[in-house]
């Protein structure tokens, strides 16, 4: 592979890392990076096929490498999104059990999630590994308390009502 080809593949890797970081780790909304990765996948795939048909077989692998990079990027974005969803649900259930145990022992709900630490939880967990919308919200008064976490920012907010012991959604 020539230096120009290597540079082109390195640029694709850098773009893949940027797209992954933006969609999976910062926003947590797998849309922009997936869209750009899909466009890059299709365009590089078409170029690879065209170069192969034109018998420019020394250039075709370059585009195939780029296709692979964008496939890996898309899989990583979707995998991290799935991980965040599972982590959010798992940690929400841990909080729900801890709040229930607290209520059983004290006869009332805690005012904050921090009251659960360290007896019921080691720490107040995060709902995801992304940088935004990664904290649980807990609020209420008297016997009516709720827990909320953002499953897919900024749209889908899951809420748990401790009184009815049911999950719902705000949007």
Foldseek 3Di string as FASTA:
>chain_A
DDPVLVVLLVVLLVLLVVLLCVCQAAQLAPDPSLVVLVVLLVVLQVVLVVCVVVVVPVCSVSSVSSNVSSVVSSVSSVVQLVVLLVQLVVLVVLLLVLQVVVCVVPVAGDQDSQVSPPVSPVGNAWSHNHDPQTHWDWHDDTHWIKIWGASHPPAWIWMATSVVRDIDTPD
